[in-house]
Amino acid sequence: MSTIYSTYEAKAKFSEILRQVRSGATVQVTYHGEPVAEIRPLEKHQDPVEARMAVLKARGELTPAADPEASVEVGEPVPGGLQRFLEDRNR
């Protein structure tokens, strides 16, 4: 069973809540009596990197290089490219 704190209590006892979560407990936070958040330990990945990469490849989120031994060619710098990148990123 998880421990329940109001938002006011959670703010005042945040360090205590983190200690509980680090020990494996789950803590629920409420606002006016309604549950709004759950604080719980993160799940640790036990899979080796190769297994996680296989999952990403299966989802189409990772594409292996056609020739892993090929060198990467760097093109000519484009004037203003960095500025356009930063402007797009801040939108």
Foldseek 3Di string as FASTA:
>chain_A
DAAEEEPVVCVVCVVVVVVCQVVFGKYFYHYPPHTDDIDHHDDDDPDPPVVVVVVCVVVVNDDDDPDPVDDDDDDDDDPCPVVVVVVVVVD
